[in-house]
N, C-alpha and C. Protein backbone atom coordinates (compact mmCIF):
# COMPACT_ATOMS: atom_id res chain seq x y z
N MET A 1 -48.51 35.73 23.97
CA MET A 1 -48.87 36.17 25.29
C MET A 1 -48.90 37.70 25.36
N ARG A 2 -47.96 38.37 24.70
CA ARG A 2 -47.91 39.82 24.73
C ARG A 2 -49.16 40.43 24.10
N SER A 3 -49.62 39.85 22.98
CA SER A 3 -50.80 40.41 22.31
C SER A 3 -52.04 40.27 23.19
N ASP A 4 -52.14 39.18 23.94
CA ASP A 4 -53.28 39.02 24.86
C ASP A 4 -53.25 40.09 25.94
N THR A 5 -52.08 40.36 26.48
CA THR A 5 -51.94 41.37 27.53
C THR A 5 -52.25 42.76 26.99
N ILE A 6 -51.73 43.10 25.82
CA ILE A 6 -51.96 44.42 25.23
C ILE A 6 -53.45 44.60 24.92
N GLU A 7 -54.09 43.58 24.36
CA GLU A 7 -55.50 43.69 24.03
C GLU A 7 -56.34 43.86 25.29
N ASN A 8 -56.01 43.18 26.36
CA ASN A 8 -56.73 43.36 27.62
C ASN A 8 -56.57 44.78 28.14
N PHE A 9 -55.34 45.30 28.07
CA PHE A 9 -55.10 46.67 28.53
C PHE A 9 -55.85 47.67 27.67
N ASN A 10 -55.80 47.49 26.34
CA ASN A 10 -56.48 48.42 25.44
C ASN A 10 -57.99 48.45 25.70
N SER A 11 -58.60 47.30 25.86
CA SER A 11 -60.04 47.27 26.09
C SER A 11 -60.38 47.87 27.45
N GLN A 12 -59.57 47.59 28.47
CA GLN A 12 -59.82 48.16 29.79
C GLN A 12 -59.63 49.67 29.76
N PHE A 13 -58.58 50.15 29.11
CA PHE A 13 -58.30 51.58 29.02
C PHE A 13 -59.42 52.30 28.28
N LYS A 14 -59.85 51.74 27.15
CA LYS A 14 -60.92 52.37 26.38
C LYS A 14 -62.22 52.39 27.16
N GLY A 15 -62.48 51.35 27.93
CA GLY A 15 -63.69 51.31 28.73
C GLY A 15 -63.68 52.32 29.86
N ILE A 16 -62.52 52.49 30.49
CA ILE A 16 -62.41 53.42 31.61
C ILE A 16 -62.57 54.86 31.14
N PHE A 17 -61.92 55.21 30.04
CA PHE A 17 -61.92 56.59 29.58
C PHE A 17 -62.95 56.85 28.48
N ASP A 18 -63.85 55.90 28.25
CA ASP A 18 -64.90 56.04 27.24
C ASP A 18 -64.35 56.46 25.88
N CYS A 19 -63.31 55.80 25.46
CA CYS A 19 -62.68 56.07 24.16
C CYS A 19 -63.07 55.00 23.15
N LEU A 20 -64.28 54.53 23.22
CA LEU A 20 -64.71 53.49 22.30
C LEU A 20 -65.00 54.07 20.91
N GLY A 21 -65.30 55.34 20.84
CA GLY A 21 -65.55 56.01 19.56
C GLY A 21 -64.49 57.05 19.30
N GLN A 22 -64.92 58.19 18.84
CA GLN A 22 -64.00 59.28 18.56
C GLN A 22 -63.63 60.00 19.85
N VAL A 23 -62.41 60.52 19.88
CA VAL A 23 -61.99 61.32 21.04
C VAL A 23 -62.51 62.74 20.87
N PRO A 24 -62.67 63.48 21.96
CA PRO A 24 -63.27 64.82 21.87
C PRO A 24 -62.30 65.90 21.42
N THR A 25 -61.25 65.54 20.72
CA THR A 25 -60.27 66.53 20.25
C THR A 25 -60.17 66.45 18.74
N LYS A 26 -59.62 67.52 18.15
CA LYS A 26 -59.38 67.53 16.70
C LYS A 26 -57.91 67.82 16.47
N GLY A 27 -57.31 67.07 15.59
CA GLY A 27 -55.90 67.26 15.29
C GLY A 27 -55.04 66.25 16.01
N MET A 28 -53.85 66.06 15.48
CA MET A 28 -52.97 65.03 16.02
C MET A 28 -52.37 65.42 17.37
N ILE A 29 -51.91 66.65 17.51
CA ILE A 29 -51.25 67.07 18.76
C ILE A 29 -52.24 67.10 19.93
N PRO A 30 -53.43 67.71 19.79
CA PRO A 30 -54.37 67.66 20.90
C PRO A 30 -54.80 66.24 21.27
N THR A 31 -54.92 65.36 20.28
CA THR A 31 -55.28 63.98 20.55
C THR A 31 -54.17 63.27 21.31
N ARG A 32 -52.94 63.52 20.92
CA ARG A 32 -51.81 62.94 21.65
C ARG A 32 -51.78 63.41 23.09
N LEU A 33 -52.03 64.70 23.31
CA LEU A 33 -52.04 65.23 24.68
C LEU A 33 -53.19 64.64 25.49
N TYR A 34 -54.33 64.44 24.86
CA TYR A 34 -55.49 63.84 25.53
C TYR A 34 -55.16 62.42 25.99
N VAL A 35 -54.58 61.64 25.10
CA VAL A 35 -54.24 60.25 25.45
C VAL A 35 -53.12 60.22 26.48
N LEU A 36 -52.12 61.07 26.34
CA LEU A 36 -51.03 61.13 27.31
C LEU A 36 -51.54 61.49 28.69
N GLY A 37 -52.45 62.45 28.76
CA GLY A 37 -53.04 62.82 30.04
C GLY A 37 -53.85 61.69 30.64
N ALA A 38 -54.59 60.96 29.80
CA ALA A 38 -55.37 59.84 30.28
C ALA A 38 -54.46 58.74 30.84
N VAL A 39 -53.37 58.45 30.15
CA VAL A 39 -52.43 57.44 30.62
C VAL A 39 -51.80 57.87 31.94
N PHE A 40 -51.46 59.15 32.06
CA PHE A 40 -50.86 59.67 33.28
C PHE A 40 -51.81 59.53 34.47
N VAL A 41 -53.06 59.91 34.28
CA VAL A 41 -54.05 59.80 35.35
C VAL A 41 -54.29 58.34 35.71
N TYR A 42 -54.32 57.47 34.71
CA TYR A 42 -54.49 56.04 34.95
C TYR A 42 -53.33 55.49 35.78
N GLN A 43 -52.11 55.89 35.46
CA GLN A 43 -50.95 55.42 36.21
C GLN A 43 -50.96 55.94 37.64
N LEU A 44 -51.37 57.18 37.83
CA LEU A 44 -51.47 57.72 39.18
C LEU A 44 -52.51 56.96 40.01
N THR A 45 -53.61 56.60 39.37
CA THR A 45 -54.64 55.84 40.07
C THR A 45 -54.14 54.46 40.45
N LEU A 46 -53.41 53.80 39.54
CA LEU A 46 -52.84 52.50 39.87
C LEU A 46 -51.81 52.61 40.99
N LEU A 47 -51.03 53.68 40.99
CA LEU A 47 -50.06 53.89 42.06
C LEU A 47 -50.77 54.06 43.40
N GLN A 48 -51.86 54.83 43.40
CA GLN A 48 -52.63 55.02 44.63
C GLN A 48 -53.20 53.69 45.12
N HIS A 49 -53.73 52.88 44.20
CA HIS A 49 -54.25 51.57 44.58
C HIS A 49 -53.14 50.69 45.16
N PHE A 50 -51.97 50.73 44.55
CA PHE A 50 -50.86 49.91 45.00
C PHE A 50 -50.40 50.32 46.40
N GLU A 51 -50.27 51.63 46.61
CA GLU A 51 -49.78 52.12 47.90
C GLU A 51 -50.77 51.89 49.03
N THR A 52 -52.05 51.78 48.72
CA THR A 52 -53.05 51.53 49.75
C THR A 52 -53.43 50.05 49.81
N ASN A 53 -52.65 49.20 49.15
CA ASN A 53 -52.83 47.74 49.15
C ASN A 53 -54.20 47.31 48.65
N ARG A 54 -54.73 48.02 47.66
CA ARG A 54 -55.99 47.62 47.04
C ARG A 54 -55.69 46.81 45.78
N ASN A 55 -56.68 46.07 45.34
CA ASN A 55 -56.55 45.29 44.11
C ASN A 55 -56.40 46.24 42.93
N LEU A 56 -55.41 46.01 42.09
CA LEU A 56 -55.14 46.90 40.96
C LEU A 56 -56.15 46.73 39.82
N ARG A 57 -56.92 45.67 39.83
CA ARG A 57 -57.86 45.43 38.74
C ARG A 57 -59.30 45.74 39.13
N VAL A 58 -59.55 46.09 40.36
CA VAL A 58 -60.92 46.31 40.83
C VAL A 58 -61.06 47.74 41.31
N GLY A 59 -62.09 48.42 40.85
CA GLY A 59 -62.42 49.74 41.35
C GLY A 59 -61.67 50.89 40.73
N VAL A 60 -60.99 50.68 39.60
CA VAL A 60 -60.24 51.77 39.00
C VAL A 60 -61.18 52.78 38.34
N LYS A 61 -62.17 52.31 37.59
CA LYS A 61 -63.10 53.22 36.91
C LYS A 61 -63.89 54.09 37.89
N PRO A 62 -64.49 53.51 38.94
CA PRO A 62 -65.21 54.37 39.90
C PRO A 62 -64.27 55.38 40.58
N CYS A 63 -63.04 54.98 40.83
CA CYS A 63 -62.08 55.89 41.44
C CYS A 63 -61.78 57.06 40.51
N LEU A 64 -61.62 56.79 39.23
CA LEU A 64 -61.35 57.86 38.27
C LEU A 64 -62.56 58.77 38.08
N GLN A 65 -63.74 58.21 38.13
CA GLN A 65 -64.94 59.01 37.95
C GLN A 65 -65.23 59.87 39.16
N ALA A 66 -64.77 59.45 40.34
CA ALA A 66 -65.03 60.20 41.57
C ALA A 66 -64.12 61.40 41.71
N GLU A 67 -62.96 61.37 41.08
CA GLU A 67 -61.98 62.44 41.29
C GLU A 67 -62.07 63.50 40.26
């Protein structure tokens, strides 16, 4: 069950942040910062959806692209 959940999150995360190929950074530390920033923004967006009683699985990508 855990692997199904992780795979769903990974595919959703990669789709939202267009990380299906290479990331736009070079080196391990900049790549880590890029991914950490993406996770932080994703969590803030989910928090905003939760606090406004919106569905957590619908409309996350358009919300991130608008801001």
